[in-house]
Amino acid sequence: MVNILVSEYGLSERRSCAAIDLSRSVYRYQSDAARDDAIIDALLAAVVRYPDYGFRRLFELLRQDGHPWNHKRVYRVYCQLELNLRQRKKHLNPLFKKTQTPPLVEYGEINQSWSADFMSSVLTGGLRFRTFHVIDDCSHEVLMIEVQLSFNLSPQQFINALERLASKRGHPKCLNMNNSPEFIAEALKEWAKTHDVALELHHLSDSMQDYFIEECNQAYCNEVLNAYEFHKISEVEEVTSRWLQKYNQQHLHK
């Protein structure tokens, strides 16, 4: 109504608000709210995609999508939507005190050191599958996620996957892994000796030793394994392929 009085009758904003007994502050808030519709839509869409993200990471996603809004305006809308009050999942390892931080090692060269790990899940029909992850410890790029319709991967399957990766990038100088059966097999030791790769093994519970791949695993679990119901292994491979490309291009490392 105020807009009509201003545009069609030439009244000032102050007089138009007084004519309909509306405070100017309320009118301006309503006008701002209308202009915030695009921010609201973008924020809610980002929260649906990444429910564990806080404001900083959501804001960076909006910037990556090309939105020009400044952080104060976006944060105001974020709070109005009460997104700051969400109870987000905490992924804490009870074995470590809050004061402990991972001893991050700086790897100066890409392809100098890789880290490897496994995850597992189940299809809707009950068949279990396993995923094998490899990241570069320098760039933190996820080099490969291989999906296998089997709960137990043989050491040779693991070696074959590493060889497919090495055929594209060359062999690393070091491979960081936990001491699960696939990683302590004699066949893997022979492969490492043949290609002059140092194997760095650590205890399964010592997650401070594989901080970056644990960060990747958490994102993959939240955004793929826990976000979809898979009926076929080909669906897992398709979603994983899309996620892998997006993670390496856009994912925000802490």
C-alpha atoms as a PDB file:
ATOM      1  CA  MET A   1       0.000   0.000   0.000  1.00  0.00           C
ATOM      2  CA  VAL A   2       2.856   2.376   0.858  1.00  0.00           C
ATOM      3  CA  ASN A   3       4.420   1.715  -2.550  1.00  0.00           C
ATOM      4  CA  ILE A   4       1.148   2.659  -4.258  1.00  0.00           C
ATOM      5  CA  LEU A   5       0.830   5.915  -2.295  1.00  0.00           C
ATOM      6  CA  VAL A   6       4.410   6.837  -3.124  1.00  0.00           C
ATOM      7  CA  SER A   7       4.365   5.895  -6.811  1.00  0.00           C
ATOM      8  CA  GLU A   8       0.807   6.866  -7.823  1.00  0.00           C
ATOM      9  CA  TYR A   9       0.022   9.764  -5.468  1.00  0.00           C
ATOM     10  CA  GLY A  10       3.468  11.244  -4.999  1.00  0.00           C
ATOM     11  CA  LEU A  11       3.423  11.075  -1.213  1.00  0.00           C
ATOM     12  CA  SER A  12       6.633  10.702   0.721  1.00  0.00           C
ATOM     13  CA  GLU A  13       7.428   7.450   2.478  1.00  0.00           C
ATOM     14  CA  ARG A  14       6.851   9.144   5.864  1.00  0.00           C
ATOM     15  CA  ARG A  15       3.410  10.531   4.928  1.00  0.00           C
ATOM     16  CA  SER A  16       2.366   7.289   3.233  1.00  0.00           C
ATOM     17  CA  CYS A  17       3.198   5.284   6.356  1.00  0.00           C
ATOM     18  CA  ALA A  18       1.360   7.804   8.549  1.00  0.00           C
ATOM     19  CA  ALA A  19      -1.704   7.614   6.304  1.00  0.00           C
ATOM     20  CA  ILE A  20      -2.129   3.886   6.912  1.00  0.00           C
ATOM     21  CA  ASP A  21      -0.838   3.971  10.508  1.00  0.00           C
ATOM     22  CA  LEU A  22       2.270   1.920   9.729  1.00  0.00           C
ATOM     23  CA  SER A  23       5.636   2.675  11.309  1.00  0.00           C
ATOM     24  CA  ARG A  24       8.451   3.372   8.873  1.00  0.00           C
ATOM     25  CA  SER A  25      10.683   0.806  10.588  1.00  0.00           C
ATOM     26  CA  VAL A  26       8.117  -1.959  10.025  1.00  0.00           C
ATOM     27  CA  TYR A  27       7.699  -0.903   6.392  1.00  0.00           C
ATOM     28  CA  ARG A  28      11.434  -0.949   5.761  1.00  0.00           C
ATOM     29  CA  TYR A  29      11.788  -4.325   7.445  1.00  0.00           C
ATOM     30  CA  GLN A  30       9.083  -5.755   5.183  1.00  0.00           C
ATOM     31  CA  SER A  31      10.838  -4.290   2.152  1.00  0.00           C
ATOM     32  CA  ASP A  32      14.155  -5.806   3.230  1.00  0.00           C
ATOM     33  CA  ALA A  33      12.463  -9.173   3.844  1.00  0.00           C
ATOM     34  CA  ALA A  34      11.138  -9.197   0.282  1.00  0.00           C
ATOM     35  CA  ARG A  35      14.633  -8.513  -1.037  1.00  0.00           C
ATOM     36  CA  ASP A  36      15.950 -11.354   1.129  1.00  0.00           C
ATOM     37  CA  ASP A  37      13.848 -14.019  -0.613  1.00  0.00           C
ATOM     38  CA  ALA A  38      16.742 -15.039  -2.860  1.00  0.00           C
ATOM     39  CA  ILE A  39      19.079 -15.346   0.134  1.00  0.00           C
ATOM     40  CA  ILE A  40      16.521 -17.443   2.007  1.00  0.00           C
ATOM     41  CA  ASP A  41      16.095 -19.795  -0.952  1.00  0.00           C
ATOM     42  CA  ALA A  42      19.852 -20.154  -1.446  1.00  0.00           C
ATOM     43  CA  LEU A  43      20.546 -20.736   2.259  1.00  0.00           C
ATOM     44  CA  LEU A  44      17.826 -23.335   2.669  1.00  0.00           C
ATOM     45  CA  ALA A  45      18.967 -25.165  -0.469  1.00  0.00           C
ATOM     46  CA  ALA A  46      22.541 -25.238   0.869  1.00  0.00           C
ATOM     47  CA  VAL A  47      21.374 -26.519   4.274  1.00  0.00           C
ATOM     48  CA  VAL A  48      19.467 -29.364   2.606  1.00  0.00           C
ATOM     49  CA  ARG A  49      22.618 -30.351   0.697  1.00  0.00           C
ATOM     50  CA  TYR A  50      24.983 -29.950   3.648  1.00  0.00           C
ATOM     51  CA  PRO A  51      23.039 -30.226   6.928  1.00  0.00           C
ATOM     52  CA  ASP A  52      26.218 -30.353   9.046  1.00  0.00           C
ATOM     53  CA  TYR A  53      27.655 -27.084   7.708  1.00  0.00           C
ATOM     54  CA  GLY A  54      27.760 -23.960   9.877  1.00  0.00           C
ATOM     55  CA  PHE A  55      27.455 -20.376   8.697  1.00  0.00           C
ATOM     56  CA  ARG A  56      31.039 -19.936   7.489  1.00  0.00           C
ATOM     57  CA  ARG A  57      30.973 -22.931   5.193  1.00  0.00           C
ATOM     58  CA  LEU A  58      27.444 -22.195   3.956  1.00  0.00           C
ATOM     59  CA  PHE A  59      28.479 -18.619   3.147  1.00  0.00           C
ATOM     60  CA  GLU A  60      31.494 -19.851   1.196  1.00  0.00           C
ATOM     61  CA  LEU A  61      29.207 -22.173  -0.781  1.00  0.00           C
ATOM     62  CA  LEU A  62      26.978 -19.220  -1.705  1.00  0.00           C
ATOM     63  CA  ARG A  63      30.029 -17.292  -2.854  1.00  0.00           C
ATOM     64  CA  GLN A  64      31.174 -20.261  -4.950  1.00  0.00           C
ATOM     65  CA  ASP A  65      27.739 -20.301  -6.571  1.00  0.00           C
ATOM     66  CA  GLY A  66      28.260 -16.673  -7.611  1.00  0.00           C
ATOM     67  CA  HIS A  67      26.020 -14.862  -5.106  1.00  0.00           C
ATOM     68  CA  PRO A  68      27.348 -11.353  -4.285  1.00  0.00           C
ATOM     69  CA  TRP A  69      25.702 -10.792  -0.874  1.00  0.00           C
ATOM     70  CA  ASN A  70      27.979  -9.654   1.937  1.00  0.00           C
ATOM     71  CA  HIS A  71      28.422 -11.833   4.996  1.00  0.00           C
ATOM     72  CA  LYS A  72      26.614  -9.459   7.416  1.00  0.00           C
ATOM     73  CA  ARG A  73      23.441  -9.525   5.352  1.00  0.00           C
ATOM     74  CA  VAL A  74      23.566 -13.298   4.883  1.00  0.00           C
ATOM     75  CA  TYR A  75      24.266 -13.842   8.586  1.00  0.00           C
ATOM     76  CA  ARG A  76      21.256 -11.678   9.515  1.00  0.00           C
ATOM     77  CA  VAL A  77      19.000 -13.872   7.361  1.00  0.00           C
ATOM     78  CA  TYR A  78      20.753 -16.991   8.704  1.00  0.00           C
ATOM     79  CA  CYS A  79      19.811 -15.972  12.257  1.00  0.00           C
ATOM     80  CA  GLN A  80      16.258 -14.922  11.291  1.00  0.00           C
ATOM     81  CA  LEU A  81      15.759 -18.433   9.931  1.00  0.00           C
ATOM     82  CA  GLU A  82      17.136 -19.729  13.267  1.00  0.00           C
ATOM     83  CA  LEU A  83      19.708 -21.815  11.443  1.00  0.00           C
ATOM     84  CA  ASN A  84      22.192 -20.802  14.133  1.00  0.00           C
ATOM     85  CA  LEU A  85      20.081 -22.762  16.632  1.00  0.00           C
ATOM     86  CA  ARG A  86      20.254 -26.059  14.755  1.00  0.00           C
ATOM     87  CA  GLN A  87      21.510 -29.094  16.638  1.00  0.00           C
ATOM     88  CA  ARG A  88      24.164 -30.305  14.252  1.00  0.00           C
ATOM     89  CA  LYS A  89      25.793 -33.714  14.662  1.00  0.00           C
ATOM     90  CA  LYS A  90      29.132 -33.757  16.436  1.00  0.00           C
ATOM     91  CA  HIS A  91      31.666 -36.269  15.179  1.00  0.00           C
ATOM     92  CA  LEU A  92      33.961 -36.563  18.167  1.00  0.00           C
ATOM     93  CA  ASN A  93      36.367 -39.345  18.969  1.00  0.00           C
ATOM     94  CA  PRO A  94      35.893 -40.177  22.672  1.00  0.00           C
ATOM     95  CA  LEU A  95      39.453 -41.512  22.863  1.00  0.00           C
ATOM     96  CA  PHE A  96      40.939 -38.017  22.709  1.00  0.00           C
ATOM     97  CA  LYS A  97      40.635 -35.014  24.984  1.00  0.00           C
ATOM     98  CA  LYS A  98      39.294 -31.742  23.617  1.00  0.00           C
ATOM     99  CA  THR A  99      42.682 -30.094  24.087  1.00  0.00           C
ATOM    100  CA  GLN A 100      44.407 -32.524  21.731  1.00  0.00           C
ATOM    101  CA  THR A 101      44.926 -31.543  18.104  1.00  0.00           C
ATOM    102  CA  PRO A 102      46.126 -33.708  15.209  1.00  0.00           C
ATOM    103  CA  PRO A 103      49.878 -33.467  14.588  1.00  0.00           C
ATOM    104  CA  LEU A 104      49.571 -32.409  10.948  1.00  0.00           C
ATOM    105  CA  VAL A 105      52.569 -33.266   8.814  1.00  0.00           C
ATOM    106  CA  GLU A 106      53.466 -30.924   5.969  1.00  0.00           C
ATOM    107  CA  TYR A 107      54.151 -32.860   2.783  1.00  0.00           C
ATOM    108  CA  GLY A 108      55.953 -30.571   0.381  1.00  0.00           C
ATOM    109  CA  GLU A 109      55.286 -32.428  -2.839  1.00  0.00           C
ATOM    110  CA  ILE A 110      52.174 -33.801  -4.507  1.00  0.00           C
ATOM    111  CA  ASN A 111      52.307 -37.578  -4.921  1.00  0.00           C
ATOM    112  CA  GLN A 112      54.944 -37.894  -2.192  1.00  0.00           C
ATOM    113  CA  SER A 113      52.570 -39.441   0.342  1.00  0.00           C
ATOM    114  CA  TRP A 114      49.129 -41.057   0.081  1.00  0.00           C
ATOM    115  CA  SER A 115      46.705 -42.155   2.782  1.00  0.00           C
ATOM    116  CA  ALA A 116      44.286 -45.049   2.306  1.00  0.00           C
ATOM    117  CA  ASP A 117      41.235 -46.294   4.180  1.00  0.00           C
ATOM    118  CA  PHE A 118      38.028 -48.326   3.818  1.00  0.00           C
ATOM    119  CA  MET A 119      34.346 -47.703   4.534  1.00  0.00           C
ATOM    120  CA  SER A 120      31.348 -50.017   4.276  1.00  0.00           C
ATOM    121  CA  SER A 121      27.587 -49.773   3.827  1.00  0.00           C
ATOM    122  CA  VAL A 122      24.644 -51.820   2.585  1.00  0.00           C
ATOM    123  CA  LEU A 123      22.255 -51.773  -0.373  1.00  0.00           C
ATOM    124  CA  THR A 124      18.510 -51.726   0.230  1.00  0.00           C
ATOM    125  CA  GLY A 125      18.350 -55.454  -0.571  1.00  0.00           C
ATOM    126  CA  GLY A 126      20.804 -56.285   2.202  1.00  0.00           C
ATOM    127  CA  LEU A 127      23.971 -56.770   0.129  1.00  0.00           C
ATOM    128  CA  ARG A 128      26.996 -55.176   1.713  1.00  0.00           C
ATOM    129  CA  PHE A 129      29.565 -53.176  -0.199  1.00  0.00           C
ATOM    130  CA  ARG A 130      32.854 -51.551   0.643  1.00  0.00           C
ATOM    131  CA  THR A 131      34.579 -48.412  -0.589  1.00  0.00           C
ATOM    132  CA  PHE A 132      38.334 -47.915  -0.784  1.00  0.00           C
ATOM    133  CA  HIS A 133      39.589 -44.328  -0.481  1.00  0.00           C
ATOM    134  CA  VAL A 134      42.987 -42.820  -1.336  1.00  0.00           C
ATOM    135  CA  ILE A 135      43.953 -39.171  -0.800  1.00  0.00           C
ATOM    136  CA  ASP A 136      47.094 -37.151  -1.461  1.00  0.00           C
ATOM    137  CA  ASP A 137      48.517 -35.952   1.854  1.00  0.00           C
ATOM    138  CA  CYS A 138      49.945 -32.785   0.296  1.00  0.00           C
ATOM    139  CA  SER A 139      47.042 -31.460  -1.792  1.00  0.00           C
ATOM    140  CA  HIS A 140      44.337 -33.335   0.193  1.00  0.00           C
ATOM    141  CA  GLU A 141      42.822 -34.281  -3.159  1.00  0.00           C
ATOM    142  CA  VAL A 142      40.794 -37.485  -3.116  1.00  0.00           C
ATOM    143  CA  LEU A 143      42.588 -39.545  -5.749  1.00  0.00           C
ATOM    144  CA  MET A 144      40.192 -42.469  -5.840  1.00  0.00           C
ATOM    145  CA  ILE A 145      37.122 -44.015  -4.249  1.00  0.00           C
ATOM    146  CA  GLU A 146      36.648 -47.552  -5.509  1.00  0.00           C
ATOM    147  CA  VAL A 147      33.380 -49.371  -4.816  1.00  0.00           C
ATOM    148  CA  GLN A 148      33.346 -53.162  -4.416  1.00  0.00           C
ATOM    149  CA  LEU A 149      30.292 -55.383  -3.871  1.00  0.00           C
ATOM    150  CA  SER A 150      32.025 -57.314  -1.141  1.00  0.00           C
ATOM    151  CA  PHE A 151      32.509 -56.769   2.576  1.00  0.00           C
ATOM    152  CA  ASN A 152      35.999 -58.248   2.599  1.00  0.00           C
ATOM    153  CA  LEU A 153      38.426 -57.105  -0.076  1.00  0.00           C
ATOM    154  CA  SER A 154      41.304 -59.427  -0.808  1.00  0.00           C
ATOM    155  CA  PRO A 155      44.828 -57.978  -0.633  1.00  0.00           C
ATOM    156  CA  GLN A 156      45.119 -58.513  -4.385  1.00  0.00           C
ATOM    157  CA  GLN A 157      41.998 -56.430  -5.055  1.00  0.00           C
ATOM    158  CA  PHE A 158      43.545 -53.679  -2.964  1.00  0.00           C
ATOM    159  CA  ILE A 159      46.844 -53.918  -4.841  1.00  0.00           C
ATOM    160  CA  ASN A 160      45.067 -53.896  -8.217  1.00  0.00           C
ATOM    161  CA  ALA A 161      43.270 -50.698  -7.230  1.00  0.00           C
ATOM    162  CA  LEU A 162      46.554 -49.071  -6.199  1.00  0.00           C
ATOM    163  CA  GLU A 163      48.166 -50.118  -9.478  1.00  0.00           C
ATOM    164  CA  ARG A 164      45.333 -48.582 -11.511  1.00  0.00           C
ATOM    165  CA  LEU A 165      45.921 -45.336  -9.648  1.00  0.00           C
ATOM    166  CA  ALA A 166      49.709 -45.565  -9.964  1.00  0.00           C
ATOM    167  CA  SER A 167      49.424 -46.110 -13.724  1.00  0.00           C
ATOM    168  CA  LYS A 168      47.961 -42.605 -13.965  1.00  0.00           C
ATOM    169  CA  ARG A 169      50.011 -40.772 -11.314  1.00  0.00           C
ATOM    170  CA  GLY A 170      53.068 -42.864 -10.564  1.00  0.00           C
ATOM    171  CA  HIS A 171      53.821 -44.538  -7.250  1.00  0.00           C
ATOM    172  CA  PRO A 172      54.057 -42.493  -4.036  1.00  0.00           C
ATOM    173  CA  LYS A 173      57.073 -42.530  -1.746  1.00  0.00           C
ATOM    174  CA  CYS A 174      54.914 -43.331   1.266  1.00  0.00           C
ATOM    175  CA  LEU A 175      51.530 -44.971   1.923  1.00  0.00           C
ATOM    176  CA  ASN A 176      49.815 -44.222   5.267  1.00  0.00           C
ATOM    177  CA  MET A 177      47.304 -46.814   6.489  1.00  0.00           C
ATOM    178  CA  ASN A 178      45.851 -48.373   9.607  1.00  0.00           C
ATOM    179  CA  ASN A 179      46.716 -51.942  10.546  1.00  0.00           C
ATOM    180  CA  SER A 180      43.584 -53.642   9.172  1.00  0.00           C
ATOM    181  CA  PRO A 181      44.118 -57.076   7.530  1.00  0.00           C
ATOM    182  CA  GLU A 182      44.203 -55.722   3.967  1.00  0.00           C
ATOM    183  CA  PHE A 183      47.020 -53.353   4.878  1.00  0.00           C
ATOM    184  CA  ILE A 184      49.279 -55.796   6.706  1.00  0.00           C
ATOM    185  CA  ALA A 185      49.133 -58.607   4.121  1.00  0.00           C
ATOM    186  CA  GLU A 186      52.441 -59.982   2.853  1.00  0.00           C
ATOM    187  CA  ALA A 187      51.347 -59.390  -0.736  1.00  0.00           C
ATOM    188  CA  LEU A 188      51.068 -55.661  -0.053  1.00  0.00           C
ATOM    189  CA  LYS A 189      54.501 -55.615   1.577  1.00  0.00           C
ATOM    190  CA  GLU A 190      55.963 -57.252  -1.523  1.00  0.00           C
ATOM    191  CA  TRP A 191      54.212 -54.735  -3.771  1.00  0.00           C
ATOM    192  CA  ALA A 192      55.585 -51.861  -1.691  1.00  0.00           C
ATOM    193  CA  LYS A 193      59.108 -53.282  -1.761  1.00  0.00           C
ATOM    194  CA  THR A 194      58.959 -53.743  -5.533  1.00  0.00           C
ATOM    195  CA  HIS A 195      57.913 -50.133  -6.129  1.00  0.00           C
ATOM    196  CA  ASP A 196      60.023 -48.587  -3.343  1.00  0.00           C
ATOM    197  CA  VAL A 197      56.988 -47.405  -1.357  1.00  0.00           C
ATOM    198  CA  ALA A 198      57.361 -46.995   2.398  1.00  0.00           C
ATOM    199  CA  LEU A 199      54.390 -48.386   4.338  1.00  0.00           C
ATOM    200  CA  GLU A 200      53.410 -46.367   7.412  1.00  0.00           C
ATOM    201  CA  LEU A 201      51.056 -48.425   9.589  1.00  0.00           C
ATOM    202  CA  HIS A 202      49.301 -47.219  12.738  1.00  0.00           C
ATOM    203  CA  HIS A 203      46.660 -48.493  15.134  1.00  0.00           C
ATOM    204  CA  LEU A 204      43.012 -48.478  14.029  1.00  0.00           C
ATOM    205  CA  SER A 205      41.974 -46.220  16.921  1.00  0.00           C
ATOM    206  CA  ASP A 206      44.737 -43.684  16.304  1.00  0.00           C
ATOM    207  CA  SER A 207      42.706 -41.372  14.078  1.00  0.00           C
ATOM    208  CA  MET A 208      45.056 -38.438  14.734  1.00  0.00           C
ATOM    209  CA  GLN A 209      47.487 -40.155  12.394  1.00  0.00           C
ATOM    210  CA  ASP A 210      45.111 -40.019   9.407  1.00  0.00           C
ATOM    211  CA  TYR A 211      43.346 -36.714  10.043  1.00  0.00           C
ATOM    212  CA  PHE A 212      42.789 -35.682   6.419  1.00  0.00           C
ATOM    213  CA  ILE A 213      41.394 -38.985   5.191  1.00  0.00           C
ATOM    214  CA  GLU A 214      39.116 -39.111   8.243  1.00  0.00           C
ATOM    215  CA  GLU A 215      37.816 -35.675   7.222  1.00  0.00           C
ATOM    216  CA  CYS A 216      37.158 -37.026   3.721  1.00  0.00           C
ATOM    217  CA  ASN A 217      35.469 -40.145   5.131  1.00  0.00           C
ATOM    218  CA  GLN A 218      33.169 -38.049   7.318  1.00  0.00           C
ATOM    219  CA  ALA A 219      32.092 -35.878   4.384  1.00  0.00           C
ATOM    220  CA  TYR A 220      31.554 -38.933   2.151  1.00  0.00           C
ATOM    221  CA  CYS A 221      29.515 -40.676   4.845  1.00  0.00           C
ATOM    222  CA  ASN A 222      27.296 -37.626   5.482  1.00  0.00           C
ATOM    223  CA  GLU A 223      26.819 -36.614   1.850  1.00  0.00           C
ATOM    224  CA  VAL A 224      26.665 -40.011   0.104  1.00  0.00           C
ATOM    225  CA  LEU A 225      26.324 -43.127   2.261  1.00  0.00           C
ATOM    226  CA  ASN A 226      23.871 -41.589   4.746  1.00  0.00           C
ATOM    227  CA  ALA A 227      22.139 -39.318   2.234  1.00  0.00           C
ATOM    228  CA  TYR A 228      20.910 -41.904  -0.302  1.00  0.00           C
ATOM    229  CA  GLU A 229      19.236 -45.286  -0.476  1.00  0.00           C
ATOM    230  CA  PHE A 230      21.078 -47.408  -3.028  1.00  0.00           C
ATOM    231  CA  HIS A 231      19.444 -50.322  -4.817  1.00  0.00           C
ATOM    232  CA  LYS A 232      22.337 -51.262  -7.097  1.00  0.00           C
ATOM    233  CA  ILE A 233      26.098 -50.964  -6.895  1.00  0.00           C
ATOM    234  CA  SER A 234      26.047 -48.940 -10.128  1.00  0.00           C
ATOM    235  CA  GLU A 235      24.037 -46.265  -8.292  1.00  0.00           C
ATOM    236  CA  VAL A 236      26.723 -46.058  -5.617  1.00  0.00           C
ATOM    237  CA  GLU A 237      29.396 -45.688  -8.297  1.00  0.00           C
ATOM    238  CA  GLU A 238      27.472 -42.980 -10.152  1.00  0.00           C
ATOM    239  CA  VAL A 239      26.769 -40.861  -7.049  1.00  0.00           C
ATOM    240  CA  THR A 240      30.317 -41.400  -5.780  1.00  0.00           C
ATOM    241  CA  SER A 241      31.785 -40.239  -9.085  1.00  0.00           C
ATOM    242  CA  ARG A 242      29.765 -37.010  -9.009  1.00  0.00           C
ATOM    243  CA  TRP A 243      30.567 -36.420  -5.349  1.00  0.00           C
ATOM    244  CA  LEU A 244      34.286 -37.023  -5.885  1.00  0.00           C
ATOM    245  CA  GLN A 245      34.517 -34.428  -8.631  1.00  0.00           C
ATOM    246  CA  LYS A 246      32.553 -31.880  -6.615  1.00  0.00           C
ATOM    247  CA  TYR A 247      34.510 -32.532  -3.414  1.00  0.00           C
ATOM    248  CA  ASN A 248      37.851 -31.982  -5.106  1.00  0.00           C
ATOM    249  CA  GLN A 249      36.663 -28.817  -6.844  1.00  0.00           C
ATOM    250  CA  GLN A 250      34.546 -27.182  -4.157  1.00  0.00           C
ATOM    251  CA  HIS A 251      34.862 -28.897  -0.810  1.00  0.00           C
ATOM    252  CA  LEU A 252      36.140 -26.576   1.903  1.00  0.00           C
ATOM    253  CA  HIS A 253      39.001 -27.986   3.919  1.00  0.00           C
ATOM    254  CA  LYS A 254      39.276 -26.694   7.440  1.00  0.00           C
END
